[in-house]
C-alpha atoms as a PDB file:
ATOM      1  CA  MET A   1     -17.711  -7.370  19.802  1.00  0.00           C
ATOM      2  CA  ALA A   2     -14.535  -8.979  18.490  1.00  0.00           C
ATOM      3  CA  GLY A   3     -13.519  -5.686  16.870  1.00  0.00           C
ATOM      4  CA  ALA A   4     -13.688  -3.840  20.187  1.00  0.00           C
ATOM      5  CA  TYR A   5     -11.781  -6.663  21.845  1.00  0.00           C
ATOM      6  CA  LEU A   6      -8.992  -6.401  19.297  1.00  0.00           C
ATOM      7  CA  GLY A   7      -8.806  -2.672  19.872  1.00  0.00           C
ATOM      8  CA  PHE A   8     -10.169  -1.640  16.475  1.00  0.00           C
ATOM      9  CA  GLY A   9     -13.270   0.134  17.788  1.00  0.00           C
ATOM     10  CA  GLY A  10     -16.156  -1.994  16.582  1.00  0.00           C
ATOM     11  CA  PRO A  11     -17.362  -4.165  13.725  1.00  0.00           C
ATOM     12  CA  VAL A  12     -17.177  -1.469  11.035  1.00  0.00           C
ATOM     13  CA  ALA A  13     -13.636  -0.513  12.034  1.00  0.00           C
ATOM     14  CA  LEU A  14     -12.683  -4.187  12.011  1.00  0.00           C
ATOM     15  CA  LEU A  15     -14.085  -4.535   8.481  1.00  0.00           C
ATOM     16  CA  VAL A  16     -12.030  -1.510   7.408  1.00  0.00           C
ATOM     17  CA  VAL A  17      -8.892  -3.164   8.797  1.00  0.00           C
ATOM     18  CA  LEU A  18      -9.714  -6.457   7.072  1.00  0.00           C
ATOM     19  CA  ALA A  19     -10.366  -4.669   3.763  1.00  0.00           C
ATOM     20  CA  ALA A  20      -7.011  -2.879   4.035  1.00  0.00           C
ATOM     21  CA  LEU A  21      -5.279  -6.171   4.834  1.00  0.00           C
ATOM     22  CA  LEU A  22      -6.887  -7.924   1.870  1.00  0.00           C
ATOM     23  CA  SER A  23      -6.015  -5.003  -0.403  1.00  0.00           C
ATOM     24  CA  THR A  24      -2.403  -5.274   0.707  1.00  0.00           C
ATOM     25  CA  VAL A  25      -2.280  -9.028   0.076  1.00  0.00           C
ATOM     26  CA  VAL A  26      -3.912  -8.733  -3.357  1.00  0.00           C
ATOM     27  CA  GLY A  27      -1.602  -5.836  -4.245  1.00  0.00           C
ATOM     28  CA  LEU A  28       1.442  -7.874  -3.279  1.00  0.00           C
ATOM     29  CA  TYR A  29       0.165 -10.796  -5.350  1.00  0.00           C
ATOM     30  CA  ILE A  30      -0.343  -8.601  -8.433  1.00  0.00           C
ATOM     31  CA  GLY A  31       3.055  -6.957  -7.967  1.00  0.00           C
ATOM     32  CA  TYR A  32       4.669 -10.377  -7.562  1.00  0.00           C
ATOM     33  CA  GLN A  33       3.057 -11.640 -10.767  1.00  0.00           C
ATOM     34  CA  ALA A  34       4.355  -8.582 -12.631  1.00  0.00           C
ATOM     35  CA  TYR A  35       7.810  -9.252 -11.152  1.00  0.00           C
ATOM     36  CA  ARG A  36       7.630 -12.843 -12.372  1.00  0.00           C
ATOM     37  CA  GLY A  37       6.805 -11.493 -15.838  1.00  0.00           C
ATOM     38  CA  PHE A  38       9.859  -9.265 -15.627  1.00  0.00           C
ATOM     39  CA  ARG A  39      12.105 -12.176 -14.615  1.00  0.00           C
ATOM     40  CA  ARG A  40      10.703 -14.454 -17.302  1.00  0.00           C
ATOM     41  CA  HIS A  41      11.006 -11.986 -20.177  1.00  0.00           C
ATOM     42  CA  GLU A  42      13.691  -9.636 -18.836  1.00  0.00           C
ATOM     43  CA  SER A  43      11.352  -6.754 -19.633  1.00  0.00           C
ATOM     44  CA  ALA A  44      12.291  -3.499 -17.966  1.00  0.00           C
ATOM     45  CA  SER A  45       8.718  -2.283 -18.432  1.00  0.00           C
ATOM     46  CA  MET A  46       7.464  -5.172 -16.303  1.00  0.00           C
ATOM     47  CA  ARG A  47      10.029  -4.308 -13.644  1.00  0.00           C
ATOM     48  CA  TYR A  48       8.724  -0.740 -13.416  1.00  0.00           C
ATOM     49  CA  LEU A  49       5.147  -2.001 -13.482  1.00  0.00           C
ATOM     50  CA  SER A  50       5.791  -4.383 -10.570  1.00  0.00           C
ATOM     51  CA  ILE A  51       7.527  -1.689  -8.527  1.00  0.00           C
ATOM     52  CA  GLY A  52       4.653   0.692  -9.184  1.00  0.00           C
ATOM     53  CA  LEU A  53       1.993  -1.838  -8.249  1.00  0.00           C
ATOM     54  CA  VAL A  54       3.711  -2.765  -4.991  1.00  0.00           C
ATOM     55  CA  LEU A  55       4.156   0.907  -4.081  1.00  0.00           C
ATOM     56  CA  LEU A  56       0.600   1.797  -5.045  1.00  0.00           C
ATOM     57  CA  THR A  57      -1.041  -1.028  -3.153  1.00  0.00           C
ATOM     58  CA  ALA A  58       0.992  -2.844  -0.532  1.00  0.00           C
ATOM     59  CA  VAL A  59       3.280  -0.036   0.631  1.00  0.00           C
ATOM     60  CA  THR A  60       0.506   2.555   0.613  1.00  0.00           C
ATOM     61  CA  TYR A  61      -1.989   0.446   2.548  1.00  0.00           C
ATOM     62  CA  THR A  62       0.613  -0.772   5.013  1.00  0.00           C
ATOM     63  CA  SER A  63       1.962   2.695   5.762  1.00  0.00           C
ATOM     64  CA  ALA A  64      -1.559   4.133   6.108  1.00  0.00           C
ATOM     65  CA  PHE A  65      -2.591   1.322   8.434  1.00  0.00           C
ATOM     66  CA  LEU A  66       0.507   1.516  10.611  1.00  0.00           C
ATOM     67  CA  GLY A  67       0.352   5.303  10.784  1.00  0.00           C
ATOM     68  CA  SER A  68      -3.316   5.194  11.747  1.00  0.00           C
ATOM     69  CA  LEU A  69      -2.680   2.553  14.377  1.00  0.00           C
ATOM     70  CA  LEU A  70       0.240   4.452  15.907  1.00  0.00           C
ATOM     71  CA  LEU A  71      -1.786   7.657  15.984  1.00  0.00           C
ATOM     72  CA  ARG A  72      -4.837   5.976  17.549  1.00  0.00           C
ATOM     73  CA  ARG A  73      -2.730   4.287  20.215  1.00  0.00           C
ATOM     74  CA  GLY A  74      -1.039   7.562  21.121  1.00  0.00           C
ATOM     75  CA  VAL A  75       2.427   6.258  20.265  1.00  0.00           C
ATOM     76  CA  ILE A  76       2.834   9.202  17.902  1.00  0.00           C
ATOM     77  CA  PRO A  77       1.366  12.649  18.666  1.00  0.00           C
ATOM     78  CA  PRO A  78      -1.635  13.781  16.570  1.00  0.00           C
ATOM     79  CA  SER A  79       0.477  16.595  15.136  1.00  0.00           C
ATOM     80  CA  TYR A  80       2.160  13.981  12.894  1.00  0.00           C
ATOM     81  CA  ARG A  81      -1.122  13.036  11.182  1.00  0.00           C
ATOM     82  CA  ALA A  82      -0.540  15.374   8.240  1.00  0.00           C
ATOM     83  CA  SER A  83       2.987  13.990   7.813  1.00  0.00           C
ATOM     84  CA  PHE A  84       1.656  10.426   7.587  1.00  0.00           C
ATOM     85  CA  GLU A  85      -0.980  11.514   5.090  1.00  0.00           C
ATOM     86  CA  LEU A  86       1.713  13.185   2.983  1.00  0.00           C
ATOM     87  CA  LEU A  87       3.880  10.062   3.142  1.00  0.00           C
ATOM     88  CA  VAL A  88       0.993   7.864   1.972  1.00  0.00           C
ATOM     89  CA  ARG A  89       0.194  10.272  -0.886  1.00  0.00           C
ATOM     90  CA  LEU A  90       3.852  10.313  -1.934  1.00  0.00           C
ATOM     91  CA  PHE A  91       3.913   6.500  -2.041  1.00  0.00           C
ATOM     92  CA  GLN A  92       0.768   6.586  -4.185  1.00  0.00           C
ATOM     93  CA  LEU A  93       2.284   9.178  -6.510  1.00  0.00           C
ATOM     94  CA  ALA A  94       5.532   7.219  -6.825  1.00  0.00           C
ATOM     95  CA  GLY A  95       3.593   4.047  -7.627  1.00  0.00           C
ATOM     96  CA  LEU A  96       1.553   5.807 -10.287  1.00  0.00           C
ATOM     97  CA  LEU A  97       4.683   7.358 -11.792  1.00  0.00           C
ATOM     98  CA  PHE A  98       6.368   3.945 -12.027  1.00  0.00           C
ATOM     99  CA  ILE A  99       3.261   2.470 -13.679  1.00  0.00           C
ATOM    100  CA  ALA A 100       2.998   5.396 -16.108  1.00  0.00           C
ATOM    101  CA  TYR A 101       6.689   5.058 -16.971  1.00  0.00           C
ATOM    102  CA  SER A 102       6.291   1.336 -17.565  1.00  0.00           C
ATOM    103  CA  LEU A 103       3.494   2.030 -20.054  1.00  0.00           C
ATOM    104  CA  TRP A 104       5.322   4.919 -21.761  1.00  0.00           C
ATOM    105  CA  ARG A 105       8.755   3.266 -21.973  1.00  0.00           C
ATOM    106  CA  ARG A 106       9.671   1.683 -25.282  1.00  0.00           C
ATOM    107  CA  PRO A 107      11.474  -1.679 -25.273  1.00  0.00           C
END
């Protein structure tokens, strides 16, 4: 019952939180490696790729998690749920656009 103790609602909810946390960490690692590639080769395409990967993974998961937590705790009224969902989708779209631009852009 550690999940209930931590306020996450049970073992499945705790696993969801852990999966989101791991996804964020792995996304940051991949984005960091792309950034290192940009710094090493001064490639603008790698810069856009790293920005896109960080937006698509770390920023998206973090904002979704924090929004969900604030809504569940009652810190933010439920009427803001759609706004948080839109924000997360916009981060995802921005990340995908940066990645697409990095692949389309010619050196």
